[in-house]
Structures are given as C-alpha cells and as structure tokens.
C-alpha atoms as a PDB file:
ATOM      1  CA  UNK A   1     -31.247 -83.275-110.736  1.00  0.00           C
ATOM      2  CA  UNK A   2     -31.969 -82.373-114.361  1.00  0.00           C
ATOM      3  CA  UNK A   3     -29.188 -82.851-116.887  1.00  0.00           C
ATOM      4  CA  UNK A   4     -28.710 -79.120-117.379  1.00  0.00           C
ATOM      5  CA  UNK A   5     -28.255 -78.568-113.652  1.00  0.00           C
ATOM      6  CA  UNK A   6     -25.721 -81.422-113.490  1.00  0.00           C
ATOM      7  CA  UNK A   7     -23.719 -79.945-116.372  1.00  0.00           C
ATOM      8  CA  UNK A   8     -23.649 -76.535-114.716  1.00  0.00           C
ATOM      9  CA  UNK A   9     -22.544 -78.024-111.398  1.00  0.00           C
ATOM     10  CA  UNK A  10     -19.906 -80.328-112.850  1.00  0.00           C
ATOM     11  CA  UNK A  11     -18.259 -77.690-115.043  1.00  0.00           C
ATOM     12  CA  UNK A  12     -16.816 -75.897-112.031  1.00  0.00           C
ATOM     13  CA  UNK A  13     -13.876 -78.342-112.230  1.00  0.00           C
ATOM     14  CA  UNK A  14     -11.637 -78.146-115.304  1.00  0.00           C
ATOM     15  CA  UNK A  15     -11.323 -81.929-115.637  1.00  0.00           C
ATOM     16  CA  UNK A  16     -15.115 -82.347-115.697  1.00  0.00           C
ATOM     17  CA  UNK A  17     -15.379 -79.467-118.147  1.00  0.00           C
ATOM     18  CA  UNK A  18     -12.914 -81.186-120.502  1.00  0.00           C
ATOM     19  CA  UNK A  19     -14.843 -84.474-120.413  1.00  0.00           C
ATOM     20  CA  UNK A  20     -18.154 -82.737-121.052  1.00  0.00           C
ATOM     21  CA  UNK A  21     -16.857 -80.280-123.661  1.00  0.00           C
ATOM     22  CA  UNK A  22     -14.972 -82.887-125.717  1.00  0.00           C
ATOM     23  CA  UNK A  23     -17.842 -83.898-128.043  1.00  0.00           C
ATOM     24  CA  UNK A  24     -18.722 -80.244-128.659  1.00  0.00           C
ATOM     25  CA  UNK A  25     -15.468 -79.550-130.499  1.00  0.00           C
ATOM     26  CA  UNK A  26     -16.328 -80.580-134.079  1.00  0.00           C
ATOM     27  CA  UNK A  27     -12.770 -81.753-134.825  1.00  0.00           C
ATOM     28  CA  UNK A  28     -12.990 -84.143-131.842  1.00  0.00           C
ATOM     29  CA  UNK A  29     -16.639 -85.217-131.994  1.00  0.00           C
ATOM     30  CA  UNK A  30     -15.831 -88.457-133.828  1.00  0.00           C
ATOM     31  CA  UNK A  31     -12.954 -89.336-131.459  1.00  0.00           C
ATOM     32  CA  UNK A  32     -13.616 -91.083-128.163  1.00  0.00           C
ATOM     33  CA  UNK A  33     -12.335 -89.249-125.090  1.00  0.00           C
ATOM     34  CA  UNK A  34      -9.941 -91.590-123.302  1.00  0.00           C
ATOM     35  CA  UNK A  35      -8.804 -90.287-119.961  1.00  0.00           C
ATOM     36  CA  UNK A  36      -5.561 -90.911-118.174  1.00  0.00           C
ATOM     37  CA  UNK A  37      -3.985 -89.912-114.891  1.00  0.00           C
ATOM     38  CA  UNK A  38      -1.912 -87.241-116.642  1.00  0.00           C
ATOM     39  CA  UNK A  39      -5.018 -85.419-117.899  1.00  0.00           C
ATOM     40  CA  UNK A  40      -6.518 -85.122-114.417  1.00  0.00           C
ATOM     41  CA  UNK A  41      -3.125 -84.081-113.026  1.00  0.00           C
ATOM     42  CA  UNK A  42      -2.562 -81.379-115.669  1.00  0.00           C
ATOM     43  CA  UNK A  43      -6.131 -80.096-115.207  1.00  0.00           C
ATOM     44  CA  UNK A  44      -5.617 -79.858-111.465  1.00  0.00           C
ATOM     45  CA  UNK A  45      -2.467 -77.783-111.927  1.00  0.00           C
ATOM     46  CA  UNK A  46      -4.020 -75.527-114.574  1.00  0.00           C
ATOM     47  CA  UNK A  47      -6.937 -74.928-112.227  1.00  0.00           C
ATOM     48  CA  UNK A  48      -4.508 -73.999-109.441  1.00  0.00           C
ATOM     49  CA  UNK A  49      -2.806 -71.504-111.769  1.00  0.00           C
ATOM     50  CA  UNK A  50      -6.171 -69.965-112.676  1.00  0.00           C
ATOM     51  CA  UNK A  51      -7.142 -69.588-109.044  1.00  0.00           C
ATOM     52  CA  UNK A  52      -3.749 -68.221-107.958  1.00  0.00           C
ATOM     53  CA  UNK A  53      -3.047 -71.082-105.536  1.00  0.00           C
ATOM     54  CA  UNK A  54       0.690 -71.078-106.256  1.00  0.00           C
ATOM     55  CA  UNK A  55       0.943 -67.300-105.896  1.00  0.00           C
ATOM     56  CA  UNK A  56      -0.762 -67.480-102.507  1.00  0.00           C
ATOM     57  CA  UNK A  57       1.927 -69.943-101.438  1.00  0.00           C
ATOM     58  CA  UNK A  58       4.690 -67.610-102.640  1.00  0.00           C
ATOM     59  CA  UNK A  59       5.518 -69.845-105.612  1.00  0.00           C
ATOM     60  CA  UNK A  60       5.763 -69.023-109.310  1.00  0.00           C
ATOM     61  CA  UNK A  61       2.529 -69.406-111.241  1.00  0.00           C
ATOM     62  CA  UNK A  62       4.021 -71.618-113.963  1.00  0.00           C
ATOM     63  CA  UNK A  63       3.707 -75.153-115.225  1.00  0.00           C
ATOM     64  CA  UNK A  64       5.995 -77.119-117.505  1.00  0.00           C
ATOM     65  CA  UNK A  65       4.271 -80.121-119.052  1.00  0.00           C
ATOM     66  CA  UNK A  66       6.528 -82.960-120.162  1.00  0.00           C
ATOM     67  CA  UNK A  67       4.497 -85.769-121.692  1.00  0.00           C
ATOM     68  CA  UNK A  68       4.901 -87.467-125.087  1.00  0.00           C
ATOM     69  CA  UNK A  69       3.250 -86.106-128.237  1.00  0.00           C
ATOM     70  CA  UNK A  70      -0.447 -86.857-128.600  1.00  0.00           C
ATOM     71  CA  UNK A  71      -1.182 -86.708-124.858  1.00  0.00           C
ATOM     72  CA  UNK A  72      -3.487 -83.622-125.060  1.00  0.00           C
ATOM     73  CA  UNK A  73      -1.050 -80.895-124.005  1.00  0.00           C
ATOM     74  CA  UNK A  74      -2.203 -78.468-126.695  1.00  0.00           C
ATOM     75  CA  UNK A  75      -5.875 -79.344-126.301  1.00  0.00           C
ATOM     76  CA  UNK A  76      -5.787 -78.835-122.548  1.00  0.00           C
ATOM     77  CA  UNK A  77      -3.715 -75.655-122.503  1.00  0.00           C
ATOM     78  CA  UNK A  78      -4.883 -73.892-125.664  1.00  0.00           C
ATOM     79  CA  UNK A  79      -8.474 -75.069-126.128  1.00  0.00           C
ATOM     80  CA  UNK A  80     -10.189 -76.339-122.984  1.00  0.00           C
ATOM     81  CA  UNK A  81      -8.420 -74.296-120.291  1.00  0.00           C
ATOM     82  CA  UNK A  82      -9.098 -70.875-121.860  1.00  0.00           C
ATOM     83  CA  UNK A  83     -12.707 -71.831-122.598  1.00  0.00           C
ATOM     84  CA  UNK A  84     -13.135 -72.981-118.992  1.00  0.00           C
ATOM     85  CA  UNK A  85     -11.548 -69.776-117.653  1.00  0.00           C
ATOM     86  CA  UNK A  86     -13.895 -67.678-119.768  1.00  0.00           C
ATOM     87  CA  UNK A  87     -16.833 -69.194-117.946  1.00  0.00           C
ATOM     88  CA  UNK A  88     -15.567 -67.510-114.762  1.00  0.00           C
ATOM     89  CA  UNK A  89     -13.374 -64.613-115.909  1.00  0.00           C
ATOM     90  CA  UNK A  90     -14.783 -63.383-119.230  1.00  0.00           C
ATOM     91  CA  UNK A  91     -12.377 -60.452-119.363  1.00  0.00           C
ATOM     92  CA  UNK A  92      -9.375 -62.774-119.677  1.00  0.00           C
ATOM     93  CA  UNK A  93      -7.343 -62.376-122.855  1.00  0.00           C
ATOM     94  CA  UNK A  94      -4.919 -64.856-124.381  1.00  0.00           C
ATOM     95  CA  UNK A  95      -1.826 -64.751-126.507  1.00  0.00           C
ATOM     96  CA  UNK A  96      -1.203 -68.187-127.967  1.00  0.00           C
ATOM     97  CA  UNK A  97       2.000 -69.127-129.734  1.00  0.00           C
ATOM     98  CA  UNK A  98       3.799 -72.219-130.922  1.00  0.00           C
ATOM     99  CA  UNK A  99       6.876 -73.117-132.877  1.00  0.00           C
ATOM    100  CA  UNK A 100       4.540 -73.974-135.775  1.00  0.00           C
ATOM    101  CA  UNK A 101       1.910 -71.573-137.061  1.00  0.00           C
ATOM    102  CA  UNK A 102      -0.383 -74.473-137.988  1.00  0.00           C
ATOM    103  CA  UNK A 103      -0.730 -75.473-134.325  1.00  0.00           C
ATOM    104  CA  UNK A 104      -1.874 -71.978-133.326  1.00  0.00           C
ATOM    105  CA  UNK A 105      -4.435 -71.877-136.113  1.00  0.00           C
ATOM    106  CA  UNK A 106      -5.671 -75.405-135.361  1.00  0.00           C
ATOM    107  CA  UNK A 107      -6.141 -74.714-131.647  1.00  0.00           C
ATOM    108  CA  UNK A 108      -7.725 -71.278-132.009  1.00  0.00           C
ATOM    109  CA  UNK A 109     -10.247 -72.744-134.473  1.00  0.00           C
ATOM    110  CA  UNK A 110     -11.019 -75.556-132.028  1.00  0.00           C
ATOM    111  CA  UNK A 111     -11.507 -73.113-129.174  1.00  0.00           C
ATOM    112  CA  UNK A 112     -13.693 -70.860-131.313  1.00  0.00           C
ATOM    113  CA  UNK A 113     -15.836 -73.821-132.314  1.00  0.00           C
ATOM    114  CA  UNK A 114     -16.203 -74.843-128.678  1.00  0.00           C
ATOM    115  CA  UNK A 115     -17.203 -71.423-127.324  1.00  0.00           C
ATOM    116  CA  UNK A 116     -19.702 -70.949-130.159  1.00  0.00           C
ATOM    117  CA  UNK A 117     -21.306 -74.348-129.569  1.00  0.00           C
ATOM    118  CA  UNK A 118     -24.848 -74.432-128.148  1.00  0.00           C
ATOM    119  CA  UNK A 119     -23.568 -76.554-125.247  1.00  0.00           C
ATOM    120  CA  UNK A 120     -21.046 -73.896-124.194  1.00  0.00           C
ATOM    121  CA  UNK A 121     -23.556 -71.101-124.686  1.00  0.00           C
ATOM    122  CA  UNK A 122     -26.004 -72.724-122.280  1.00  0.00           C
ATOM    123  CA  UNK A 123     -23.458 -72.583-119.448  1.00  0.00           C
ATOM    124  CA  UNK A 124     -24.687 -69.795-117.161  1.00  0.00           C
ATOM    125  CA  UNK A 125     -21.268 -68.243-116.789  1.00  0.00           C
ATOM    126  CA  UNK A 126     -20.731 -68.310-120.541  1.00  0.00           C
ATOM    127  CA  UNK A 127     -23.870 -66.229-120.954  1.00  0.00           C
ATOM    128  CA  UNK A 128     -22.582 -63.739-118.382  1.00  0.00           C
ATOM    129  CA  UNK A 129     -19.246 -63.779-120.201  1.00  0.00           C
ATOM    130  CA  UNK A 130     -20.952 -62.484-123.336  1.00  0.00           C
ATOM    131  CA  UNK A 131     -22.585 -59.706-121.340  1.00  0.00           C
ATOM    132  CA  UNK A 132     -19.254 -58.921-119.696  1.00  0.00           C
ATOM    133  CA  UNK A 133     -17.497 -58.695-123.063  1.00  0.00           C
ATOM    134  CA  UNK A 134     -20.240 -56.425-124.362  1.00  0.00           C
ATOM    135  CA  UNK A 135     -19.955 -54.127-121.345  1.00  0.00           C
ATOM    136  CA  UNK A 136     -16.155 -54.084-121.648  1.00  0.00           C
ATOM    137  CA  UNK A 137     -16.374 -53.265-125.357  1.00  0.00           C
ATOM    138  CA  UNK A 138     -18.755 -50.393-124.578  1.00  0.00           C
ATOM    139  CA  UNK A 139     -16.366 -49.048-121.904  1.00  0.00           C
ATOM    140  CA  UNK A 140     -13.445 -49.242-124.335  1.00  0.00           C
ATOM    141  CA  UNK A 141     -15.431 -47.346-126.979  1.00  0.00           C
ATOM    142  CA  UNK A 142     -16.049 -44.609-124.398  1.00  0.00           C
ATOM    143  CA  UNK A 143     -12.323 -44.660-123.568  1.00  0.00           C
ATOM    144  CA  UNK A 144     -12.896 -45.676-119.944  1.00  0.00           C
ATOM    145  CA  UNK A 145     -11.532 -49.153-119.264  1.00  0.00           C
ATOM    146  CA  UNK A 146     -12.634 -50.213-115.790  1.00  0.00           C
ATOM    147  CA  UNK A 147      -9.767 -52.553-114.968  1.00  0.00           C
ATOM    148  CA  UNK A 148      -6.970 -54.218-116.894  1.00  0.00           C
ATOM    149  CA  UNK A 149      -7.956 -57.614-118.293  1.00  0.00           C
ATOM    150  CA  UNK A 150      -6.332 -60.831-117.163  1.00  0.00           C
ATOM    151  CA  UNK A 151      -3.852 -61.909-119.809  1.00  0.00           C
ATOM    152  CA  UNK A 152      -2.270 -65.307-120.243  1.00  0.00           C
ATOM    153  CA  UNK A 153       0.568 -65.972-122.659  1.00  0.00           C
ATOM    154  CA  UNK A 154       0.626 -69.556-123.878  1.00  0.00           C
END
C-alpha cells in the first residue's frame, strides 16, 4: 500500500494521528516523539468523547486528566485532538482557555501550524473540511445556517 494510503488509513485513530502529525508541528519537529501508556490511554478516551460513546452508555461526556506537567496534556487536548476531529467533523468549533494566556496562544499557534501543514492538507477529510467550512460560511452570509455547529469548550 502506498505511503499516502497508509497515512489516510492510520489517521482514523487519534493515537496514530498524533504520532504521524507530531513532526508537522514546527515547534515540535526537532523533538523526538516518545510515547507512553498514558498517551494511548488519553487518546482512547478523547476518541470516545468525540464519538459519543459515553453518552450512549448514559454517562457524562467528560474527562479529567491527572498526569504530571510535561506529559502532553495540552498538546493532546488543545492541538492534536481538535485537528483530528476536524478531519471528520469540520463544522466543530472550539473555545480554548487556560489559567495562563500564554498557554492558549502557544497551543492555538501550534494547532494552526498543524492544520496549515501540507501533510494535514493532504488528508482527504481535511480537504473536505475546507469545502465544508466554505459552504458553511456561504450559508451564514445568506443568513441560513443549516445546523448548529459542534462546540467543545476546553
């Protein structure tokens, strides 16, 4: 299977997306991605939240992450997860906050750099996401929103 096809197939899982997207964030390109059990575990739970697994079970769709500083909490939740969700649900909107303004700025710049990267743009769903955003923008200009967007507060 060609490399492009493998990338497209593997990016359906958040954990695989994180591993593949890592070098395409300029701030991280010089840093080696070192995985750990906690990263796979957090990715699995974030994926379940995205897909509504907890809601289907009658549970709250929340996750509290308690790991020491420097264990990728912010990167996973504020950079990679939203970028991964946009490949499937381009209408999703995010409100990101932190106790320090610098963290919000840092992570939104990292996410912007990732979604503008050629690697991200070649993902087939990312291309459809751009079309979806364009169609949504046109509907909003006409004053006829089709459906409310998905919104996550982080």
